[in-house]
């Protein structure tokens, strides 16, 4: 009989359902983790419903989940970083794309690509990796992060993806004493506001198309809110921002956001993984103000530990709604509708028995 249980789907049109399976044995450099909680990322929905193509095309069966926290249950003979009972987490990556990449800093940008926590060929078994919507996971110790005691474990889960995904570009382009705008007020955006503040931004401005999100934005640290559907408000805020961090997950017209940037400003997008529409960027504006448009993909392992430690220092966690595992399909539908503030997290203790 299988010894593990999770929630997975075997095609794009079927809901996730209880899925008995077996995790691999613990190798000499591996850590087995009893999963306590797992965050629900919008990319989990895209992946389970086969809404992405190319390198991100879905390999079924698909068991999502890359915002994983729990405690160490077993370690391999050569493991030195973690011990049984430690509070730990696993983010988007579980192995290098090639053994030659050990020691390379930016694991997420290498070729061949690093092994993702789910929906990737498992280097040991050749089968598809299964993610954190499950009771346990076995991971090489390099890809296991330490969760500081100061962080609530459930609310820390989204930091493993949403947290580092916003932290990485904020530190790459720098926010100290700068005016930072954060576009999109979902799971990534509300953390982007909190982290920009913690990293020393002089002012943080929430950019939203929904006026009813203003109070939530201010609760997450925004000094001001610009409603992007209000043309007068956008005009009044022109040339006032040094950096716009966009967490918008679908194609959008970037021109209003570019108008907010001062000379030498940066628009960094972390949510968009698809082509933008025709006319979505006016390169006259880009050239006249010497703007930079850039992208960023999650973060490396060092940055992931850094953001966990920073959040512990500043008392930052995600705003979450804790759900039972059997509500995951409902959560997917609500996530698509934007009906969550701001991150669903699965309570793994509600998973059924694998038998």
Protein backbone atom coordinates (compact mmCIF):
# COMPACT_ATOMS: atom_id res chain seq x y z
CA UNK A 1 0.00 0.00 0.00
CA UNK A 2 1.21 3.58 -0.69
CA UNK A 3 2.64 5.31 2.35
CA UNK A 4 2.03 8.94 1.35
CA UNK A 5 -1.02 11.02 0.45
CA UNK A 6 -1.55 14.27 -1.40
CA UNK A 7 -3.94 16.08 -3.69
CA UNK A 8 -3.30 15.78 -7.43
CA UNK A 9 -5.00 15.70 -10.80
CA UNK A 10 -4.34 13.55 -13.85
CA UNK A 11 -5.68 15.99 -16.46
CA UNK A 12 -6.35 19.69 -16.95
CA UNK A 13 -10.13 19.51 -16.64
CA UNK A 14 -10.42 17.34 -13.52
CA UNK A 15 -10.40 18.64 -9.93
CA UNK A 16 -7.61 17.72 -7.58
CA UNK A 17 -8.40 14.61 -5.55
CA UNK A 18 -6.75 12.51 -2.84
CA UNK A 19 -3.76 10.76 -4.40
CA UNK A 20 -1.93 7.94 -2.61
CA UNK A 21 1.73 7.61 -3.63
CA UNK A 22 5.22 6.84 -2.31
CA UNK A 23 8.01 9.32 -1.69
CA UNK A 24 11.53 8.08 -2.49
CA UNK A 25 13.78 6.75 0.23
CA UNK A 26 16.04 9.24 2.02
CA UNK A 27 19.46 9.39 0.38
CA UNK A 28 22.72 10.28 2.07
CA UNK A 29 22.28 14.03 1.41
CA UNK A 30 18.50 14.12 1.77
CA UNK A 31 16.05 15.40 4.35
CA UNK A 32 12.56 13.99 4.90
CA UNK A 33 10.10 16.61 6.08
CA UNK A 34 6.74 16.16 7.76
CA UNK A 35 4.74 18.88 6.02
CA UNK A 36 2.63 21.00 8.35
CA UNK A 37 1.40 23.64 5.89
CA UNK A 38 1.63 24.47 2.21
CA UNK A 39 0.75 27.76 0.55
CA UNK A 40 -1.38 27.95 -2.58
CA UNK A 41 0.29 29.97 -5.34
CA UNK A 42 -1.57 31.30 -8.40
CA UNK A 43 0.93 29.41 -10.55
CA UNK A 44 -0.39 26.19 -8.96
CA UNK A 45 -3.74 26.90 -10.61
CA UNK A 46 -2.11 27.62 -13.98
CA UNK A 47 -0.06 24.44 -13.74
CA UNK A 48 -2.85 22.10 -12.62
CA UNK A 49 -5.14 23.46 -15.34
CA UNK A 50 -2.41 23.30 -18.03
CA UNK A 51 -2.61 27.02 -18.75
CA UNK A 52 1.12 27.42 -19.44
CA UNK A 53 3.08 26.05 -22.35
CA UNK A 54 6.66 25.60 -23.49
CA UNK A 55 9.10 24.83 -20.69
CA UNK A 56 6.26 25.27 -18.18
CA UNK A 57 3.85 22.87 -19.88
CA UNK A 58 2.18 20.55 -17.37
CA UNK A 59 3.32 16.97 -16.91
CA UNK A 60 0.47 14.90 -15.49
CA UNK A 61 -0.24 13.68 -12.92
CA UNK A 62 0.24 17.05 -11.26
CA UNK A 63 0.52 17.55 -7.49
CA UNK A 64 1.23 21.26 -6.89
CA UNK A 65 2.75 23.04 -3.94
CA UNK A 66 6.04 24.93 -3.50
CA UNK A 67 5.46 26.94 -0.33
CA UNK A 68 6.18 24.12 2.11
CA UNK A 69 6.87 24.30 5.85
CA UNK A 70 7.16 21.59 8.47
CA UNK A 71 9.65 19.73 10.64
CA UNK A 72 12.53 17.43 9.82
CA UNK A 73 11.58 13.78 10.36
CA UNK A 74 14.71 12.05 9.02
CA UNK A 75 18.13 12.99 7.65
CA UNK A 76 20.62 11.15 5.48
CA UNK A 77 24.02 10.08 6.74
CA UNK A 78 25.89 13.03 5.16
CA UNK A 79 23.44 15.80 6.09
CA UNK A 80 25.05 18.57 8.16
CA UNK A 81 22.70 21.55 7.87
CA UNK A 82 19.55 20.15 9.45
CA UNK A 83 18.56 17.82 12.26
CA UNK A 84 15.44 15.90 13.23
CA UNK A 85 12.90 18.28 14.77
CA UNK A 86 14.15 21.44 13.00
CA UNK A 87 11.56 23.86 11.60
CA UNK A 88 12.24 23.99 7.87
CA UNK A 89 10.80 25.00 4.54
CA UNK A 90 11.06 24.12 0.85
CA UNK A 91 10.41 26.58 -1.95
CA UNK A 92 10.29 26.22 -5.72
CA UNK A 93 13.44 24.12 -6.27
CA UNK A 94 14.52 20.68 -5.07
CA UNK A 95 17.66 19.89 -7.11
CA UNK A 96 20.19 21.29 -9.56
CA UNK A 97 19.66 20.87 -13.27
CA UNK A 98 23.09 19.27 -13.53
CA UNK A 99 25.65 18.09 -10.99
CA UNK A 100 28.13 20.65 -12.37
CA UNK A 101 25.85 23.40 -11.00
CA UNK A 102 26.59 22.65 -7.34
CA UNK A 103 27.92 25.83 -5.80
CA UNK A 104 26.50 28.12 -8.51
CA UNK A 105 24.71 31.03 -6.85
CA UNK A 106 21.60 31.54 -9.00
CA UNK A 107 20.20 28.02 -9.20
CA UNK A 108 16.98 29.24 -10.83
CA UNK A 109 18.69 30.67 -13.94
CA UNK A 110 20.94 27.76 -14.95
CA UNK A 111 20.79 25.57 -18.05
CA UNK A 112 19.66 22.88 -17.95
CA UNK A 113 17.03 24.29 -15.56
CA UNK A 114 16.99 23.39 -11.90
CA UNK A 115 14.48 20.74 -10.84
CA UNK A 116 11.25 22.36 -9.70
CA UNK A 117 9.46 21.11 -6.60
CA UNK A 118 6.64 19.79 -8.75
CA UNK A 119 5.95 19.16 -12.44
CA UNK A 120 9.58 18.38 -13.29
CA UNK A 121 11.45 15.16 -14.09
CA UNK A 122 12.74 13.68 -10.84
CA UNK A 123 16.52 13.13 -11.21
CA UNK A 124 16.35 9.95 -9.11
CA UNK A 125 13.23 8.26 -10.44
CA UNK A 126 12.68 9.87 -13.84
CA UNK A 127 9.05 10.41 -12.87
CA UNK A 128 7.35 13.76 -12.34
CA UNK A 129 8.13 15.52 -9.05
CA UNK A 130 5.23 15.86 -6.63
CA UNK A 131 4.85 19.03 -4.57
CA UNK A 132 3.69 20.09 -1.15
CA UNK A 133 -0.04 19.41 -1.29
CA UNK A 134 0.96 16.29 0.59
CA UNK A 135 2.01 14.86 3.93
CA UNK A 136 5.78 14.54 3.40
CA UNK A 137 8.57 15.49 1.03
CA UNK A 138 12.15 14.27 0.54
CA UNK A 139 14.61 16.96 -0.58
CA UNK A 140 18.37 17.42 -0.91
CA UNK A 141 19.59 19.39 2.11
CA UNK A 142 20.83 22.33 0.00
CA UNK A 143 17.26 23.15 -0.96
CA UNK A 144 15.92 23.04 2.60
CA UNK A 145 15.60 26.40 4.41
CA UNK A 146 15.58 27.10 8.13
CA UNK A 147 12.40 28.73 9.46
CA UNK A 148 13.22 31.14 12.32
CA UNK A 149 11.38 30.47 15.57
CA UNK A 150 9.97 34.01 15.53
CA UNK A 151 7.82 33.25 12.48
CA UNK A 152 4.38 31.66 12.72
CA UNK A 153 4.82 28.47 10.72
CA UNK A 154 1.60 28.62 8.68
CA UNK A 155 1.99 32.33 7.85
CA UNK A 156 5.64 31.77 6.91
CA UNK A 157 4.78 29.28 4.16
CA UNK A 158 4.12 31.90 1.42
CA UNK A 159 7.53 33.45 2.05
CA UNK A 160 9.09 30.42 0.29
CA UNK A 161 7.70 31.64 -3.07
CA UNK A 162 5.76 34.90 -2.84
CA UNK A 163 8.22 36.33 -0.34
CA UNK A 164 11.45 35.61 -2.19
CA UNK A 165 9.86 36.38 -5.57
CA UNK A 166 9.30 39.97 -4.45
CA UNK A 167 12.44 40.23 -2.29
CA UNK A 168 14.81 39.29 -5.14
CA UNK A 169 14.00 42.22 -7.48
CA UNK A 170 13.69 44.69 -4.59
CA UNK A 171 17.26 43.88 -3.57
CA UNK A 172 18.58 43.58 -7.13
CA UNK A 173 17.48 47.09 -8.10
CA UNK A 174 17.69 48.52 -4.59
CA UNK A 175 15.01 50.39 -2.64
CA UNK A 176 16.92 52.17 0.13
CA UNK A 177 15.66 55.78 0.31
CA UNK A 178 13.67 55.29 -2.92
CA UNK A 179 9.98 55.67 -3.72
CA UNK A 180 8.61 52.25 -4.65
CA UNK A 181 5.30 51.36 -6.28
CA UNK A 182 3.87 47.85 -6.03
CA UNK A 183 1.34 46.89 -8.67
CA UNK A 184 -1.17 44.15 -7.87
CA UNK A 185 -2.37 43.49 -4.33
CA UNK A 186 -2.57 39.73 -4.08
CA UNK A 187 -0.32 37.16 -2.46
CA UNK A 188 2.85 38.65 -3.96
CA UNK A 189 1.86 42.29 -3.87
CA UNK A 190 0.98 42.55 -0.18
CA UNK A 191 4.35 41.00 0.69
CA UNK A 192 6.08 43.33 -1.75
CA UNK A 193 4.68 46.31 0.17
CA UNK A 194 5.85 44.94 3.52
CA UNK A 195 9.30 44.01 2.24
CA UNK A 196 9.90 47.33 0.48
CA UNK A 197 9.26 49.05 3.80
CA UNK A 198 11.55 46.69 5.69
CA UNK A 199 14.31 47.21 3.11
CA UNK A 200 14.32 50.97 3.66
CA UNK A 201 12.13 52.50 0.94
CA UNK A 202 11.38 56.14 1.77
CA UNK A 203 7.81 55.75 0.55
CA UNK A 204 5.78 52.79 -0.70
CA UNK A 205 2.82 53.28 -3.02
CA UNK A 206 0.25 50.61 -3.85
CA UNK A 207 -0.92 50.58 -7.47
CA UNK A 208 -4.28 48.92 -7.97
CA UNK A 209 -7.22 48.87 -10.36
CA UNK A 210 -9.59 48.20 -7.43
CA UNK A 211 -10.37 51.15 -5.16
CA UNK A 212 -11.79 48.79 -2.54
CA UNK A 213 -8.30 47.37 -1.93
CA UNK A 214 -6.95 50.67 -0.58
CA UNK A 215 -7.49 49.83 3.09
CA UNK A 216 -5.82 46.42 2.71
CA UNK A 217 -2.88 48.06 0.95
CA UNK A 218 -2.38 50.54 3.78
CA UNK A 219 -2.61 47.73 6.32
CA UNK A 220 0.27 46.06 4.47
CA UNK A 221 2.42 49.16 4.75
CA UNK A 222 1.49 51.38 1.79
CA UNK A 223 1.95 55.10 2.44
CA UNK A 224 -0.32 55.94 -0.45
CA UNK A 225 -2.57 54.25 -3.03
CA UNK A 226 -2.97 55.11 -6.71
CA UNK A 227 -6.08 53.68 -8.36
CA UNK A 228 -4.86 53.03 -11.88
CA UNK A 229 -8.33 53.36 -13.45
CA UNK A 230 -8.48 56.97 -12.21
CA UNK A 231 -6.80 58.97 -14.98
CA UNK A 232 -6.48 62.09 -12.83
CA UNK A 233 -4.78 60.14 -10.04
CA UNK A 234 -2.35 58.58 -12.52
CA UNK A 235 -1.56 62.00 -13.99
CA UNK A 236 -0.99 63.48 -10.54
CA UNK A 237 1.46 60.67 -9.70
CA UNK A 238 3.46 60.95 -12.95
CA UNK A 239 7.27 60.86 -12.66
CA UNK A 240 7.11 60.18 -8.91
CA UNK A 241 8.39 56.62 -8.52
CA UNK A 242 11.89 55.18 -8.71
CA UNK A 243 10.81 51.54 -8.99
CA UNK A 244 7.58 49.81 -9.91
CA UNK A 245 7.40 46.18 -8.83
CA UNK A 246 4.61 44.56 -10.84
CA UNK A 247 3.04 41.38 -9.50
CA UNK A 248 0.26 41.43 -12.12
CA UNK A 249 0.03 37.82 -13.42
CA UNK A 250 -1.48 38.43 -16.86
CA UNK A 251 -0.71 40.63 -19.87
CA UNK A 252 -1.45 44.30 -19.17
CA UNK A 253 -0.86 47.76 -20.60
CA UNK A 254 2.42 48.87 -19.05
CA UNK A 255 2.23 52.44 -20.33
CA UNK A 256 0.32 53.95 -17.37
CA UNK A 257 2.82 52.34 -15.00
CA UNK A 258 5.78 53.61 -17.02
CA UNK A 259 4.32 57.12 -16.79
CA UNK A 260 4.69 56.95 -13.01
CA UNK A 261 8.45 56.40 -13.20
CA UNK A 262 10.96 59.19 -12.84
CA UNK A 263 14.02 59.33 -15.07
CA UNK A 264 16.24 56.24 -14.72
CA UNK A 265 13.35 54.37 -13.10
CA UNK A 266 12.79 50.62 -13.24
CA UNK A 267 9.70 48.54 -13.92
CA UNK A 268 10.35 44.99 -12.69
CA UNK A 269 7.74 42.33 -13.33
CA UNK A 270 7.54 39.10 -11.36
CA UNK A 271 4.01 37.93 -12.05
CA UNK A 272 3.89 37.94 -15.85
CA UNK A 273 4.94 34.78 -17.70
CA UNK A 274 3.33 35.45 -21.08
CA UNK A 275 3.71 37.87 -24.01
CA UNK A 276 2.30 41.36 -23.63
CA UNK A 277 -0.13 42.83 -26.13
CA UNK A 278 0.63 45.10 -29.05
CA UNK A 279 1.13 48.69 -27.92
CA UNK A 280 1.64 47.69 -24.29
CA UNK A 281 4.99 49.50 -24.12
CA UNK A 282 5.71 52.95 -25.53
CA UNK A 283 9.46 52.90 -26.13
CA UNK A 284 9.43 56.62 -26.75
CA UNK A 285 8.75 57.06 -23.03
CA UNK A 286 11.29 54.35 -22.18
CA UNK A 287 14.02 56.10 -24.16
CA UNK A 288 13.19 59.67 -23.13
CA UNK A 289 13.37 58.79 -19.44
CA UNK A 290 16.07 56.10 -19.78
CA UNK A 291 13.84 53.55 -18.10
CA UNK A 292 14.66 49.92 -17.46
CA UNK A 293 12.12 47.13 -17.90
CA UNK A 294 13.20 43.90 -16.29
CA UNK A 295 11.97 40.58 -15.01
CA UNK A 296 12.83 38.31 -12.14
CA UNK A 297 12.19 34.62 -11.43
CA UNK A 298 11.70 33.52 -7.81
CA UNK A 299 15.07 33.79 -6.03
CA UNK A 300 18.10 31.69 -5.22
CA UNK A 301 18.52 29.68 -2.03
CA UNK A 302 20.63 32.32 -0.30
CA UNK A 303 18.00 34.99 -1.01
CA UNK A 304 15.26 32.70 0.26
CA UNK A 305 17.03 32.30 3.60
CA UNK A 306 17.70 36.04 3.67
CA UNK A 307 14.03 36.91 3.27
CA UNK A 308 13.01 34.45 5.99
CA UNK A 309 15.52 36.01 8.36
CA UNK A 310 14.49 39.56 7.39
CA UNK A 311 10.84 38.74 8.00
CA UNK A 312 11.66 37.28 11.40
CA UNK A 313 13.58 40.45 12.30
CA UNK A 314 10.74 42.75 11.24
CA UNK A 315 7.77 40.61 12.26
CA UNK A 316 6.61 40.09 8.67
CA UNK A 317 4.43 37.18 7.58
CA UNK A 318 1.83 36.70 4.88
CA UNK A 319 -1.82 37.43 5.55
CA UNK A 320 -3.36 33.99 5.13
CA UNK A 321 -6.61 32.03 5.10
CA UNK A 322 -6.00 28.54 6.44
CA UNK A 323 -7.99 25.82 4.66
CA UNK A 324 -8.55 22.09 4.96
CA UNK A 325 -7.04 20.03 2.16
CA UNK A 326 -10.44 19.01 0.78
CA UNK A 327 -11.21 22.68 0.03
CA UNK A 328 -8.38 23.04 -2.48
CA UNK A 329 -10.61 23.09 -5.58
CA UNK A 330 -12.81 25.75 -3.99
CA UNK A 331 -9.65 27.71 -3.16
CA UNK A 332 -8.48 27.50 -6.78
CA UNK A 333 -11.78 28.96 -8.00
CA UNK A 334 -11.71 31.73 -5.41
CA UNK A 335 -8.09 32.53 -6.24
CA UNK A 336 -9.00 33.02 -9.89
CA UNK A 337 -11.78 35.40 -8.80
CA UNK A 338 -9.42 37.29 -6.49
CA UNK A 339 -11.46 36.25 -3.47
CA UNK A 340 -8.67 35.77 -0.91
CA UNK A 341 -6.76 38.09 1.40
CA UNK A 342 -4.08 37.34 0.55
CA UNK A 343 -2.85 33.74 0.48
CA UNK A 344 -4.52 30.37 0.99
CA UNK A 345 -2.52 27.92 3.07
CA UNK A 346 -3.37 24.22 3.35
CA UNK A 347 -3.37 22.63 6.80
CA UNK A 348 -1.69 19.31 6.04
CA UNK A 349 -3.10 17.70 9.18
CA UNK A 350 -6.44 17.57 7.33
CA UNK A 351 -5.15 15.22 4.63
CA UNK A 352 -6.83 11.79 4.55
CA UNK A 353 -5.05 8.58 5.50
CA UNK A 354 -3.07 7.22 2.50
CA UNK A 355 -4.71 3.81 2.82
